[in-house]
Amino acid sequence: MGTIICRSMDRPASIIGFKIARALVDEIDTMALDKATEAWRKIIARMRLKILGVVNGIGVTCTPEGFLFVYNHFAKNPTKLYSMVQASTFENEEYLPDDYIESLYETYPDQLVSAYVLGQFVNLTSGSVYSSFDRQKNHYSYTERNTKILMGNDFNVMHTCGILAQMENGVLRVYKEYVDMYDTPELVNVIQKDYPHKPLMLSFPDASGKNRHSSDASASDHATIRKVAQLRVNKSNPAIKDRYMAVNKALDDGLLTIDVKKCPELAEALEQQSFDKNGLPDKSSGVDHPIDGLGYLVYWYFPISKPKARLSMNIG
């Protein structure tokens, strides 16, 4: 019997101290390009086990995520040891519900259909991150109603934010922003002053706020925000790409509106957010904080799930 060793590619430094003959790598393109490259080199270095009759090799399965690690190594510049098989969702059609593929075409824009349904390499990072946002088309002048308030929260020292919205006939109406608060206690103090009557408020925060705090106080960000809102949060945050795709999809479908006059910082951030060299939203620009708060909120109500069009690759 052989031994199966599991390691997370999120921590490339942990891929040490063992030797193997075969490896299976899953969804490496969901990582930043530089981190994926580091993990791959660590995996290659582990392929030192010699077994009679066994050809050492690595199998890779991945949904296309644009022109990233898999494209560079298996499509653009493959060596004789690298081979690739591309398969679409249609390959599994007989095992899927009758209307499944049709629903994907109705749900996804053309670029995502090409990538996630047809298994093709396409540019998912051209232009701005929130290319679906149009301040005329997506603007809606909204007046707060006597119903529950929904708040997306991102926690950072000097950049803590709260994005407020209400649901109206299935549409998320964003109408108020708290941005560049020094920390979570300051945000809570401002909200308490604005809402002394303590309305029903739900917070959809950064999941990491459970274990850390953006101030010198001993209480976590989650514990602090509970002073004004009930929390709705999972154990971990949705993937970054899933969040921005969810926002774009909600904008396209008319399920999300922004009162751009009351939320000027958020509207400007949606227009200016660009991609970095790894195909992820650029954090260096400083405009990402209100968008992150919005993303946690939008994804809770309008999550996006990717179909399994996959690439199967092999080295060895």
Foldseek 3Di string as FASTA:
>chain_A
DDDDDDDDLVCLVVLDDAADQEEEAEALLLDFQVSSVSNVVSNVVRNPDDDPPGHGKYKYKHQADACGDCCVDAPPDDDPQKYKDFFFPVVCCVVDPVCVLVVVPVQDDPQQCCGQGVVDHDHPAPDFLQVLDDQVLQADADDDDQDEKEWFWEFAAQWTKIWIWDADPQATETFAMDTRQRFLLSVLVVVCVVCVVQGAYEYLYALCQCPDTNDPDPHGSVVSCVVRYHYDYDNHADRQSQLSVLVNSCSVVNRYHYNCVNVVLLSVLSNPFHADPRSGTDPVVVSCRVVNSVSSRSCVSRTDDGHHRMMMMMGD
